[in-house]
Protein backbone atom coordinates (compact mmCIF):
# COMPACT_ATOMS: atom_id res chain seq x y z
CA UNK A 1 -0.17 -0.25 0.03
CA UNK A 2 1.36 3.56 -0.63
CA UNK A 3 1.57 6.19 1.15
CA UNK A 4 -0.45 9.30 1.40
CA UNK A 5 1.00 11.59 -0.56
CA UNK A 6 0.63 15.35 0.81
CA UNK A 7 1.11 18.72 -0.17
CA UNK A 8 4.13 19.29 1.76
CA UNK A 9 7.45 21.34 1.22
CA UNK A 10 10.09 19.62 -1.15
CA UNK A 11 11.43 19.33 -4.47
CA UNK A 12 9.37 19.94 -7.40
CA UNK A 13 10.84 18.44 -10.85
CA UNK A 14 10.01 19.93 -14.28
CA UNK A 15 11.10 17.90 -17.09
CA UNK A 16 10.68 15.04 -19.31
CA UNK A 17 8.27 11.92 -18.60
CA UNK A 18 9.14 8.85 -21.31
CA UNK A 19 8.77 5.43 -21.78
CA UNK A 20 12.31 3.93 -22.90
CA UNK A 21 12.63 0.55 -24.33
CA UNK A 22 16.04 -0.57 -23.71
CA UNK A 23 17.22 -3.52 -26.36
CA UNK A 24 20.88 -5.36 -26.10
CA UNK A 25 22.24 -6.02 -29.21
CA UNK A 26 25.75 -7.85 -30.12
CA UNK A 27 26.86 -5.05 -32.40
CA UNK A 28 25.61 -1.82 -34.19
CA UNK A 29 23.93 -3.20 -37.41
CA UNK A 30 25.39 -2.30 -41.10
CA UNK A 31 22.53 -0.12 -43.06
CA UNK A 32 19.88 -2.03 -43.67
CA UNK A 33 20.66 -4.85 -41.72
CA UNK A 34 18.61 -6.70 -39.15
CA UNK A 35 19.34 -6.10 -35.85
CA UNK A 36 17.94 -8.19 -33.35
CA UNK A 37 17.75 -7.62 -29.41
CA UNK A 38 18.63 -10.52 -27.37
CA UNK A 39 16.57 -9.11 -24.66
CA UNK A 40 14.17 -5.78 -24.60
CA UNK A 41 13.51 -4.02 -21.08
CA UNK A 42 10.27 -1.62 -20.79
CA UNK A 43 10.81 0.95 -18.21
CA UNK A 44 10.08 4.52 -17.37
CA UNK A 45 12.38 7.49 -18.06
CA UNK A 46 12.78 10.68 -19.04
CA UNK A 47 15.44 13.31 -17.26
CA UNK A 48 12.82 14.88 -15.11
CA UNK A 49 11.15 11.58 -14.13
CA UNK A 50 14.44 9.76 -13.49
CA UNK A 51 15.12 12.61 -11.13
CA UNK A 52 11.97 12.30 -9.16
CA UNK A 53 12.54 8.62 -8.97
CA UNK A 54 15.89 9.27 -7.18
CA UNK A 55 14.68 12.08 -5.13
CA UNK A 56 11.87 9.76 -3.82
CA UNK A 57 14.20 7.16 -3.03
CA UNK A 58 16.10 8.99 -0.68
CA UNK A 59 13.22 10.21 1.36
CA UNK A 60 12.50 13.40 -0.37
CA UNK A 61 9.21 14.26 -0.84
CA UNK A 62 9.11 14.94 -4.78
CA UNK A 63 6.88 16.06 -7.15
CA UNK A 64 6.88 15.72 -10.92
CA UNK A 65 5.06 18.72 -12.95
CA UNK A 66 5.19 17.08 -17.00
CA UNK A 67 2.82 15.90 -19.82
CA UNK A 68 1.66 12.51 -21.02
CA UNK A 69 -0.24 11.24 -23.57
CA UNK A 70 -3.47 9.69 -23.06
CA UNK A 71 -2.51 6.23 -23.90
CA UNK A 72 -1.40 3.13 -22.34
CA UNK A 73 2.17 4.30 -21.99
CA UNK A 74 1.00 7.66 -20.22
CA UNK A 75 -1.14 5.02 -17.74
CA UNK A 76 2.18 3.01 -17.11
CA UNK A 77 4.80 5.93 -15.97
CA UNK A 78 1.98 7.76 -14.33
CA UNK A 79 1.20 4.11 -11.77
CA UNK A 80 5.49 3.68 -12.22
CA UNK A 81 5.69 7.45 -10.51
CA UNK A 82 3.41 6.98 -8.01
CA UNK A 83 4.43 3.68 -6.87
CA UNK A 84 7.65 5.16 -6.10
CA UNK A 85 5.72 7.49 -4.15
CA UNK A 86 6.30 10.58 -6.68
CA UNK A 87 3.21 12.83 -6.29
CA UNK A 88 2.09 12.97 -10.04
CA UNK A 89 -0.97 14.75 -9.21
CA UNK A 90 0.58 18.15 -11.56
CA UNK A 91 1.35 15.90 -14.52
CA UNK A 92 -0.95 17.05 -17.32
CA UNK A 93 -2.75 14.56 -19.93
CA UNK A 94 -3.08 15.28 -23.24
CA UNK A 95 -4.86 13.87 -26.68
CA UNK A 96 -2.89 15.87 -28.98
CA UNK A 97 0.35 13.79 -28.63
CA UNK A 98 1.69 10.18 -27.70
CA UNK A 99 3.65 10.05 -24.51
CA UNK A 100 7.32 10.62 -24.93
CA UNK A 101 8.92 7.47 -26.22
CA UNK A 102 12.73 5.98 -26.52
CA UNK A 103 14.35 3.20 -27.93
CA UNK A 104 17.87 2.76 -26.50
CA UNK A 105 20.24 0.40 -28.53
CA UNK A 106 22.74 -0.71 -26.48
CA UNK A 107 25.81 -2.78 -27.70
CA UNK A 108 27.93 -5.13 -25.91
CA UNK A 109 30.99 -2.60 -24.73
CA UNK A 110 28.06 -0.46 -23.14
CA UNK A 111 27.53 2.09 -25.80
CA UNK A 112 23.88 3.57 -25.67
CA UNK A 113 22.11 5.15 -28.87
CA UNK A 114 18.90 6.85 -28.54
CA UNK A 115 16.09 6.90 -31.02
CA UNK A 116 12.52 8.36 -30.18
CA UNK A 117 10.70 11.74 -29.65
CA UNK A 118 9.74 14.01 -26.84
CA UNK A 119 6.34 13.74 -27.61
CA UNK A 120 3.75 15.18 -25.45
CA UNK A 121 6.53 16.70 -23.07
CA UNK A 122 6.35 19.45 -25.49
CA UNK A 123 3.34 20.68 -24.77
CA UNK A 124 2.85 21.23 -21.35
CA UNK A 125 0.97 23.97 -20.81
CA UNK A 126 1.53 26.97 -18.54
CA UNK A 127 -0.58 27.27 -15.29
CA UNK A 128 -2.60 30.67 -15.06
CA UNK A 129 -0.82 31.42 -12.00
CA UNK A 130 2.59 30.61 -11.08
CA UNK A 131 1.97 30.04 -7.31
CA UNK A 132 -0.43 26.94 -8.57
CA UNK A 133 2.61 25.58 -9.90
CA UNK A 134 4.93 25.64 -7.59
CA UNK A 135 2.24 24.59 -4.99
CA UNK A 136 5.01 25.76 -1.55
CA UNK A 137 7.72 23.91 -2.76
CA UNK A 138 10.81 24.56 -0.79
CA UNK A 139 13.25 24.19 -4.31
CA UNK A 140 12.68 22.94 -8.09
CA UNK A 141 14.69 21.26 -10.28
CA UNK A 142 14.27 22.01 -14.11
CA UNK A 143 15.53 19.88 -17.23
CA UNK A 144 16.96 21.89 -19.72
CA UNK A 145 15.07 20.26 -22.50
CA UNK A 146 12.04 22.16 -20.74
CA UNK A 147 13.14 25.00 -23.20
CA UNK A 148 13.08 23.53 -26.12
CA UNK A 149 9.24 24.63 -26.81
CA UNK A 150 7.10 27.70 -25.49
CA UNK A 151 5.01 25.96 -23.31
CA UNK A 152 7.45 24.10 -20.92
CA UNK A 153 9.79 26.89 -20.90
CA UNK A 154 6.92 29.46 -19.86
CA UNK A 155 6.24 27.26 -17.41
CA UNK A 156 9.61 26.91 -16.13
CA UNK A 157 10.26 30.38 -15.87
CA UNK A 158 7.30 31.18 -13.77
CA UNK A 159 8.48 28.32 -11.57
CA UNK A 160 12.05 29.84 -11.18
CA UNK A 161 10.28 33.03 -10.40
CA UNK A 162 7.81 31.29 -7.66
CA UNK A 163 10.52 29.57 -5.75
CA UNK A 164 12.89 32.31 -5.84
CA UNK A 165 9.92 34.46 -4.46
CA UNK A 166 9.69 32.08 -1.20
CA UNK A 167 13.69 31.94 -0.86
CA UNK A 168 13.99 28.60 -2.29
CA UNK A 169 16.82 27.68 -4.70
CA UNK A 170 16.65 26.13 -8.46
CA UNK A 171 18.81 23.81 -10.27
CA UNK A 172 19.16 23.11 -13.95
CA UNK A 173 20.31 20.22 -15.50
CA UNK A 174 21.28 21.30 -18.70
CA UNK A 175 21.80 18.61 -20.96
CA UNK A 176 23.36 17.81 -24.30
CA UNK A 177 20.54 18.49 -27.07
CA UNK A 178 19.61 21.94 -25.45
CA UNK A 179 23.26 22.88 -25.64
CA UNK A 180 23.46 22.22 -29.52
CA UNK A 181 20.28 23.66 -30.27
CA UNK A 182 19.20 26.48 -28.08
CA UNK A 183 22.83 27.71 -26.22
CA UNK A 184 22.06 31.26 -26.03
CA UNK A 185 18.52 30.45 -24.57
CA UNK A 186 20.21 28.12 -21.99
CA UNK A 187 23.14 30.76 -21.23
CA UNK A 188 20.38 33.30 -20.34
CA UNK A 189 18.81 31.11 -17.94
CA UNK A 190 22.02 29.97 -16.49
CA UNK A 191 22.12 33.25 -14.73
CA UNK A 192 18.72 32.81 -13.00
CA UNK A 193 19.36 29.50 -11.18
CA UNK A 194 20.99 28.78 -8.19
CA UNK A 195 22.67 25.33 -9.32
CA UNK A 196 24.03 24.48 -12.92
CA UNK A 197 24.25 21.13 -13.42
CA UNK A 198 26.68 21.06 -17.08
CA UNK A 199 28.93 18.44 -18.04
CA UNK A 200 32.15 19.34 -20.19
CA UNK A 201 30.54 18.17 -23.47
CA UNK A 202 27.59 20.40 -22.53
CA UNK A 203 29.67 23.26 -21.76
CA UNK A 204 31.88 22.75 -24.78
CA UNK A 205 28.18 23.30 -26.90
CA UNK A 206 27.36 26.08 -24.72
CA UNK A 207 30.14 27.90 -25.22
CA UNK A 208 32.05 26.82 -28.53
CA UNK A 209 35.31 25.86 -26.44
CA UNK A 210 36.33 22.78 -25.52
CA UNK A 211 38.90 24.24 -22.77
CA UNK A 212 37.46 23.70 -19.78
CA UNK A 213 38.80 26.76 -17.72
CA UNK A 214 37.86 29.11 -20.83
CA UNK A 215 34.22 27.24 -20.82
CA UNK A 216 34.04 27.81 -17.23
CA UNK A 217 34.97 31.89 -17.50
CA UNK A 218 32.52 32.07 -20.05
CA UNK A 219 29.54 30.64 -18.26
CA UNK A 220 30.70 32.92 -15.09
CA UNK A 221 30.41 35.69 -17.25
CA UNK A 222 26.90 34.82 -18.69
CA UNK A 223 25.77 35.12 -14.75
CA UNK A 224 26.06 31.33 -13.75
CA UNK A 225 27.10 31.43 -9.74
CA UNK A 226 30.89 29.88 -9.28
CA UNK A 227 29.53 27.66 -6.82
CA UNK A 228 27.37 26.29 -8.99
CA UNK A 229 30.20 25.51 -11.52
CA UNK A 230 32.47 23.30 -9.31
CA UNK A 231 31.78 19.96 -10.67
CA UNK A 232 32.76 21.39 -14.00
CA UNK A 233 35.88 23.03 -12.89
CA UNK A 234 36.66 19.63 -10.37
CA UNK A 235 36.38 17.64 -13.96
CA UNK A 236 38.59 20.21 -15.65
CA UNK A 237 41.38 19.41 -12.81
């Protein structure tokens, strides 16, 4: 039996919710060649949902904001969130798109290649009031993918403002695709969050340089807080 979810202060996560189908193969196929997986696994995933799962496993009151389709896959991921004690009451459902889905091809050396689409994740609508979105959360975690589309981007901006108004903190997990597709927008957002989670490859895509120290300087000049870039600097050392 699941514990009863309450509107308690915690961390609100805004990001993608997907169904992941993982297939393990011996080797990458040649063009036009059949590639049968030894085993197929269906899991709940997405940069947002995975963070919420992790927080809940540590006993943190995690609440998920996102959008899934009115389909069997949407029901599957919602049930998975609830079973892991993630509050999913702010996850919207839509008939305009299917639930985000990815096929992950894993070769014998552990290399993963992703195929798929964000689907309903791109259709998250902005709430009428930011207070209704944040729901009293003490902190928020955002995925950079949310800034790829207007609706989720507006919801993310409202959430940043609402959480900061109450003195809370906001973290942003940049992600590789946003770093390549919308680097200017991500750099603009970087100055408004308290913790910026960025890998060396993402930093290179954002700043145009593979020199870690130069990338650090550019991110700091863009307004990213120096203390939030510690992971990047440590990786460079």
